[in-house]
Each structure stands twice: as structure tokens, then as C-alpha cells.
Amino acid sequence: THIYELAHGFYEKRLATAIFLRAE
């Protein structure tokens, strides 16, 4: 997704099972 609000909302939860990848 490019929906920042969605990705950042999950990122802020600091879920141990979540991985966030982005373009370098």
C-alpha cells in the first residue's frame, strides 16, 4: 500500500509479528 495512515497505524502498534518493507 501507499496509504500512509494505514501502514503507520499498524507500525505504531509495534506488533512482534509485523514486518514493514519500503523502497530503499
PDB file of all heavy atoms in Angstrom:
ATOM      1  N   THR A   1       0.819  -1.213   0.000  1.00  0.00           N
ATOM      2  CA  THR A   1       0.000   0.000   0.000  1.00  0.00           C
ATOM      3  C   THR A   1       0.851   1.262   0.000  1.00  0.00           C
ATOM      4  O   THR A   1       1.998   1.256   0.447  1.00  0.00           O
ATOM      5  CB  THR A   1      -0.946   0.031   1.221  1.00  0.00           C
ATOM      6  OG1 THR A   1      -1.839   1.130   1.090  1.00  0.00           O
ATOM      7  CG2 THR A   1      -0.184   0.143   2.527  1.00  0.00           C
ATOM      8  N   HIS A   2       0.263   2.328  -0.512  1.00  0.00           N
ATOM      9  CA  HIS A   2       0.845   3.663  -0.397  1.00  0.00           C
ATOM     10  C   HIS A   2       0.018   4.496   0.579  1.00  0.00           C
ATOM     11  O   HIS A   2       0.244   5.684   0.729  1.00  0.00           O
ATOM     12  CB  HIS A   2       0.884   4.362  -1.757  1.00  0.00           C
ATOM     13  CG  HIS A   2       1.930   3.788  -2.653  1.00  0.00           C
ATOM     14  ND1 HIS A   2       1.672   2.761  -3.521  1.00  0.00           N
ATOM     15  CD2 HIS A   2       3.241   4.082  -2.793  1.00  0.00           C
ATOM     16  CE1 HIS A   2       2.777   2.462  -4.172  1.00  0.00           C
ATOM     17  NE2 HIS A   2       3.747   3.240  -3.751  1.00  0.00           N
ATOM     18  N   ILE A   3      -0.947   3.868   1.249  1.00  0.00           N
ATOM     19  CA  ILE A   3      -1.788   4.578   2.216  1.00  0.00           C
ATOM     20  C   ILE A   3      -1.009   4.697   3.527  1.00  0.00           C
ATOM     21  O   ILE A   3      -0.916   3.762   4.312  1.00  0.00           O
ATOM     22  CB  ILE A   3      -3.139   3.859   2.436  1.00  0.00           C
ATOM     23  CG1 ILE A   3      -3.904   3.712   1.118  1.00  0.00           C
ATOM     24  CG2 ILE A   3      -3.979   4.620   3.460  1.00  0.00           C
ATOM     25  CD1 ILE A   3      -5.187   2.900   1.227  1.00  0.00           C
ATOM     26  N   TYR A   4      -0.431   5.867   3.737  1.00  0.00           N
ATOM     27  CA  TYR A   4       0.433   6.095   4.894  1.00  0.00           C
ATOM     28  C   TYR A   4      -0.305   5.871   6.212  1.00  0.00           C
ATOM     29  O   TYR A   4       0.219   5.233   7.123  1.00  0.00           O
ATOM     30  CB  TYR A   4       1.012   7.513   4.843  1.00  0.00           C
ATOM     31  CG  TYR A   4       1.806   7.850   6.080  1.00  0.00           C
ATOM     32  CD1 TYR A   4       3.071   7.307   6.279  1.00  0.00           C
ATOM     33  CD2 TYR A   4       1.280   8.689   7.059  1.00  0.00           C
ATOM     34  CE1 TYR A   4       3.800   7.594   7.424  1.00  0.00           C
ATOM     35  CE2 TYR A   4       2.004   8.989   8.197  1.00  0.00           C
ATOM     36  CZ  TYR A   4       3.258   8.440   8.373  1.00  0.00           C
ATOM     37  OH  TYR A   4       3.971   8.722   9.503  1.00  0.00           O
ATOM     38  N   GLU A   5      -1.508   6.400   6.319  1.00  0.00           N
ATOM     39  CA  GLU A   5      -2.281   6.277   7.559  1.00  0.00           C
ATOM     40  C   GLU A   5      -2.456   4.809   7.958  1.00  0.00           C
ATOM     41  O   GLU A   5      -2.338   4.444   9.124  1.00  0.00           O
ATOM     42  CB  GLU A   5      -3.646   6.945   7.391  1.00  0.00           C
ATOM     43  CG  GLU A   5      -4.479   6.990   8.652  1.00  0.00           C
ATOM     44  CD  GLU A   5      -5.799   7.720   8.448  1.00  0.00           C
ATOM     45  OE1 GLU A   5      -5.841   8.717   7.692  1.00  0.00           O
ATOM     46  OE2 GLU A   5      -6.785   7.289   9.052  1.00  0.00           O
ATOM     47  N   LEU A   6      -2.705   3.953   6.986  1.00  0.00           N
ATOM     48  CA  LEU A   6      -2.867   2.524   7.236  1.00  0.00           C
ATOM     49  C   LEU A   6      -1.560   1.899   7.712  1.00  0.00           C
ATOM     50  O   LEU A   6      -1.506   1.256   8.767  1.00  0.00           O
ATOM     51  CB  LEU A   6      -3.345   1.828   5.953  1.00  0.00           C
ATOM     52  CG  LEU A   6      -3.331   0.303   5.969  1.00  0.00           C
ATOM     53  CD1 LEU A   6      -4.357  -0.225   6.959  1.00  0.00           C
ATOM     54  CD2 LEU A   6      -3.603  -0.230   4.570  1.00  0.00           C
ATOM     55  N   ALA A   7      -0.505   2.073   6.935  1.00  0.00           N
ATOM     56  CA  ALA A   7       0.783   1.457   7.269  1.00  0.00           C
ATOM     57  C   ALA A   7       1.317   1.970   8.596  1.00  0.00           C
ATOM     58  O   ALA A   7       1.762   1.186   9.445  1.00  0.00           O
ATOM     59  CB  ALA A   7       1.784   1.721   6.145  1.00  0.00           C
ATOM     60  N   HIS A   8       1.254   3.270   8.801  1.00  0.00           N
ATOM     61  CA  HIS A   8       1.798   3.842  10.028  1.00  0.00           C
ATOM     62  C   HIS A   8       0.973   3.436  11.253  1.00  0.00           C
ATOM     63  O   HIS A   8       1.515   3.210  12.332  1.00  0.00           O
ATOM     64  CB  HIS A   8       1.894   5.366   9.923  1.00  0.00           C
ATOM     65  CG  HIS A   8       2.769   5.956  10.964  1.00  0.00           C
ATOM     66  ND1 HIS A   8       2.276   6.538  12.093  1.00  0.00           N
ATOM     67  CD2 HIS A   8       4.121   6.001  11.067  1.00  0.00           C
ATOM     68  CE1 HIS A   8       3.281   6.943  12.839  1.00  0.00           C
ATOM     69  NE2 HIS A   8       4.408   6.636  12.251  1.00  0.00           N
ATOM     70  N   GLY A   9      -0.340   3.303  11.076  1.00  0.00           N
ATOM     71  CA  GLY A   9      -1.193   2.854  12.180  1.00  0.00           C
ATOM     72  C   GLY A   9      -0.791   1.477  12.680  1.00  0.00           C
ATOM     73  O   GLY A   9      -0.703   1.240  13.891  1.00  0.00           O
ATOM     74  N   PHE A  10      -0.516   0.560  11.754  1.00  0.00           N
ATOM     75  CA  PHE A  10      -0.053  -0.767  12.157  1.00  0.00           C
ATOM     76  C   PHE A  10       1.370  -0.698  12.715  1.00  0.00           C
ATOM     77  O   PHE A  10       1.701  -1.394  13.673  1.00  0.00           O
ATOM     78  CB  PHE A  10      -0.117  -1.756  10.986  1.00  0.00           C
ATOM     79  CG  PHE A  10      -1.471  -2.396  10.841  1.00  0.00           C
ATOM     80  CD1 PHE A  10      -2.345  -1.964   9.859  1.00  0.00           C
ATOM     81  CD2 PHE A  10      -1.867  -3.427  11.682  1.00  0.00           C
ATOM     82  CE1 PHE A  10      -3.596  -2.548   9.712  1.00  0.00           C
ATOM     83  CE2 PHE A  10      -3.111  -4.017  11.550  1.00  0.00           C
ATOM     84  CZ  PHE A  10      -3.988  -3.575  10.567  1.00  0.00           C
ATOM     85  N   TYR A  11       2.200   0.134  12.147  1.00  0.00           N
ATOM     86  CA  TYR A  11       3.580   0.270  12.615  1.00  0.00           C
ATOM     87  C   TYR A  11       3.618   0.733  14.076  1.00  0.00           C
ATOM     88  O   TYR A  11       4.403   0.234  14.876  1.00  0.00           O
ATOM     89  CB  TYR A  11       4.343   1.252  11.727  1.00  0.00           C
ATOM     90  CG  TYR A  11       5.791   1.404  12.097  1.00  0.00           C
ATOM     91  CD1 TYR A  11       6.738   0.475  11.667  1.00  0.00           C
ATOM     92  CD2 TYR A  11       6.221   2.468  12.894  1.00  0.00           C
ATOM     93  CE1 TYR A  11       8.076   0.606  12.012  1.00  0.00           C
ATOM     94  CE2 TYR A  11       7.549   2.605  13.237  1.00  0.00           C
ATOM     95  CZ  TYR A  11       8.476   1.671  12.793  1.00  0.00           C
ATOM     96  OH  TYR A  11       9.802   1.802  13.140  1.00  0.00           O
ATOM     97  N   GLU A  12       2.758   1.675  14.413  1.00  0.00           N
ATOM     98  CA  GLU A  12       2.717   2.211  15.779  1.00  0.00           C
ATOM     99  C   GLU A  12       2.311   1.164  16.813  1.00  0.00           C
ATOM    100  O   GLU A  12       2.608   1.315  17.987  1.00  0.00           O
ATOM    101  CB  GLU A  12       1.773   3.413  15.855  1.00  0.00           C
ATOM    102  CG  GLU A  12       2.357   4.662  15.236  1.00  0.00           C
ATOM    103  CD  GLU A  12       1.435   5.849  15.366  1.00  0.00           C
ATOM    104  OE1 GLU A  12       0.199   5.666  15.315  1.00  0.00           O
ATOM    105  OE2 GLU A  12       1.963   6.968  15.520  1.00  0.00           O
ATOM    106  N   LYS A  13       1.652   0.111  16.385  1.00  0.00           N
ATOM    107  CA  LYS A  13       1.245  -0.955  17.312  1.00  0.00           C
ATOM    108  C   LYS A  13       2.426  -1.818  17.729  1.00  0.00           C
ATOM    109  O   LYS A  13       2.330  -2.598  18.667  1.00  0.00           O
ATOM    110  CB  LYS A  13       0.159  -1.823  16.680  1.00  0.00           C
ATOM    111  CG  LYS A  13      -1.153  -1.099  16.521  1.00  0.00           C
ATOM    112  CD  LYS A  13      -2.206  -2.013  15.935  1.00  0.00           C
ATOM    113  CE  LYS A  13      -3.511  -1.240  15.804  1.00  0.00           C
ATOM    114  NZ  LYS A  13      -4.609  -2.095  15.414  1.00  0.00           N
ATOM    115  N   ARG A  14       3.547  -1.705  17.021  1.00  0.00           N
ATOM    116  CA  ARG A  14       4.772  -2.451  17.335  1.00  0.00           C
ATOM    117  C   ARG A  14       4.502  -3.948  17.489  1.00  0.00           C
ATOM    118  O   ARG A  14       4.937  -4.588  18.436  1.00  0.00           O
ATOM    119  CB  ARG A  14       5.434  -1.915  18.598  1.00  0.00           C
ATOM    120  CG  ARG A  14       5.716  -0.432  18.608  1.00  0.00           C
ATOM    121  CD  ARG A  14       6.879  -0.101  17.693  1.00  0.00           C
ATOM    122  NE  ARG A  14       7.352   1.262  17.920  1.00  0.00           N
ATOM    123  CZ  ARG A  14       7.251   2.226  17.020  1.00  0.00           C
ATOM    124  NH1 ARG A  14       6.708   1.999  15.856  1.00  0.00           N
ATOM    125  NH2 ARG A  14       7.708   3.436  17.283  1.00  0.00           N
ATOM    126  N   LEU A  15       3.762  -4.509  16.547  1.00  0.00           N
ATOM    127  CA  LEU A  15       3.437  -5.929  16.572  1.00  0.00           C
ATOM    128  C   LEU A  15       4.699  -6.751  16.316  1.00  0.00           C
ATOM    129  O   LEU A  15       5.419  -6.509  15.352  1.00  0.00           O
ATOM    130  CB  LEU A  15       2.382  -6.251  15.508  1.00  0.00           C
ATOM    131  CG  LEU A  15       1.074  -5.464  15.616  1.00  0.00           C
ATOM    132  CD1 LEU A  15       0.221  -5.683  14.391  1.00  0.00           C
ATOM    133  CD2 LEU A  15       0.332  -5.871  16.876  1.00  0.00           C
ATOM    134  N   ALA A  16       4.954  -7.711  17.171  1.00  0.00           N
ATOM    135  CA  ALA A  16       6.165  -8.529  17.043  1.00  0.00           C
ATOM    136  C   ALA A  16       6.170  -9.343  15.756  1.00  0.00           C
ATOM    137  O   ALA A  16       7.235  -9.687  15.247  1.00  0.00           O
ATOM    138  CB  ALA A  16       6.286  -9.456  18.252  1.00  0.00           C
ATOM    139  N   THR A  17       5.004  -9.636  15.205  1.00  0.00           N
ATOM    140  CA  THR A  17       4.913 -10.474  14.010  1.00  0.00           C
ATOM    141  C   THR A  17       4.824  -9.665  12.716  1.00  0.00           C
ATOM    142  O   THR A  17       4.728 -10.238  11.643  1.00  0.00           O
ATOM    143  CB  THR A  17       3.694 -11.402  14.102  1.00  0.00           C
ATOM    144  OG1 THR A  17       2.526 -10.607  14.308  1.00  0.00           O
ATOM    145  CG2 THR A  17       3.850 -12.397  15.244  1.00  0.00           C
ATOM    146  N   ALA A  18       4.857  -8.343  12.807  1.00  0.00           N
ATOM    147  CA  ALA A  18       4.714  -7.496  11.616  1.00  0.00           C
ATOM    148  C   ALA A  18       6.082  -7.066  11.091  1.00  0.00           C
ATOM    149  O   ALA A  18       6.984  -6.737  11.864  1.00  0.00           O
ATOM    150  CB  ALA A  18       3.880  -6.266  11.932  1.00  0.00           C
ATOM    151  N   ILE A  19       6.218  -7.058   9.774  1.00  0.00           N
ATOM    152  CA  ILE A  19       7.426  -6.578   9.113  1.00  0.00           C
ATOM    153  C   ILE A  19       7.002  -5.495   8.127  1.00  0.00           C
ATOM    154  O   ILE A  19       6.059  -5.683   7.363  1.00  0.00           O
ATOM    155  CB  ILE A  19       8.148  -7.714   8.363  1.00  0.00           C
ATOM    156  CG1 ILE A  19       8.582  -8.798   9.338  1.00  0.00           C
ATOM    157  CG2 ILE A  19       9.350  -7.175   7.591  1.00  0.00           C
ATOM    158  CD1 ILE A  19       9.122 -10.032   8.651  1.00  0.00           C
ATOM    159  N   PHE A  20       7.696  -4.383   8.121  1.00  0.00           N
ATOM    160  CA  PHE A  20       7.390  -3.282   7.225  1.00  0.00           C
ATOM    161  C   PHE A  20       8.552  -3.090   6.263  1.00  0.00           C
ATOM    162  O   PHE A  20       9.683  -2.873   6.684  1.00  0.00           O
ATOM    163  CB  PHE A  20       7.125  -1.998   8.019  1.00  0.00           C
ATOM    164  CG  PHE A  20       5.890  -2.109   8.869  1.00  0.00           C
ATOM    165  CD1 PHE A  20       5.957  -2.668  10.127  1.00  0.00           C
ATOM    166  CD2 PHE A  20       4.667  -1.694   8.381  1.00  0.00           C
ATOM    167  CE1 PHE A  20       4.820  -2.808  10.899  1.00  0.00           C
ATOM    168  CE2 PHE A  20       3.528  -1.831   9.136  1.00  0.00           C
ATOM    169  CZ  PHE A  20       3.595  -2.386  10.404  1.00  0.00           C
ATOM    170  N   LEU A  21       8.255  -3.200   4.981  1.00  0.00           N
ATOM    171  CA  LEU A  21       9.269  -3.041   3.945  1.00  0.00           C
ATOM    172  C   LEU A  21       8.971  -1.789   3.142  1.00  0.00           C
ATOM    173  O   LEU A  21       7.814  -1.458   2.897  1.00  0.00           O
ATOM    174  CB  LEU A  21       9.288  -4.263   3.021  1.00  0.00           C
ATOM    175  CG  LEU A  21       9.547  -5.602   3.702  1.00  0.00           C
ATOM    176  CD1 LEU A  21       9.415  -6.735   2.692  1.00  0.00           C
ATOM    177  CD2 LEU A  21      10.916  -5.623   4.353  1.00  0.00           C
ATOM    178  N   ARG A  22       9.994  -1.121   2.690  1.00  0.00           N
ATOM    179  CA  ARG A  22       9.836   0.075   1.869  1.00  0.00           C
ATOM    180  C   ARG A  22      10.932   0.116   0.828  1.00  0.00           C
ATOM    181  O   ARG A  22      11.944  -0.570   0.948  1.00  0.00           O
ATOM    182  CB  ARG A  22       9.852   1.327   2.739  1.00  0.00           C
ATOM    183  CG  ARG A  22      11.085   1.434   3.592  1.00  0.00           C
ATOM    184  CD  ARG A  22      11.026   2.523   4.606  1.00  0.00           C
ATOM    185  NE  ARG A  22      11.420   3.779   4.014  1.00  0.00           N
ATOM    186  CZ  ARG A  22      11.425   4.919   4.646  1.00  0.00           C
ATOM    187  NH1 ARG A  22      11.040   4.989   5.893  1.00  0.00           N
ATOM    188  NH2 ARG A  22      11.805   6.009   4.050  1.00  0.00           N
ATOM    189  N   ALA A  23      10.725   0.922  -0.174  1.00  0.00           N
ATOM    190  CA  ALA A  23      11.725   1.065  -1.235  1.00  0.00           C
ATOM    191  C   ALA A  23      12.931   1.818  -0.672  1.00  0.00           C
ATOM    192  O   ALA A  23      12.791   2.856  -0.039  1.00  0.00           O
ATOM    193  CB  ALA A  23      11.137   1.825  -2.415  1.00  0.00           C
ATOM    194  N   GLU A  24      14.105   1.263  -0.920  1.00  0.00           N
ATOM    195  CA  GLU A  24      15.334   1.913  -0.464  1.00  0.00           C
ATOM    196  C   GLU A  24      15.611   3.138  -1.336  1.00  0.00           C
ATOM    197  O   GLU A  24      15.448   3.102  -2.553  1.00  0.00           O
ATOM    198  CB  GLU A  24      16.502   0.936  -0.548  1.00  0.00           C
ATOM    199  CG  GLU A  24      17.806   1.527  -0.060  1.00  0.00           C
ATOM    200  CD  GLU A  24      18.957   0.541  -0.182  1.00  0.00           C
ATOM    201  OE1 GLU A  24      19.187   0.015  -1.293  1.00  0.00           O
ATOM    202  OE2 GLU A  24      19.603   0.294   0.837  1.00  0.00           O
TER     203      GLU A  24
END
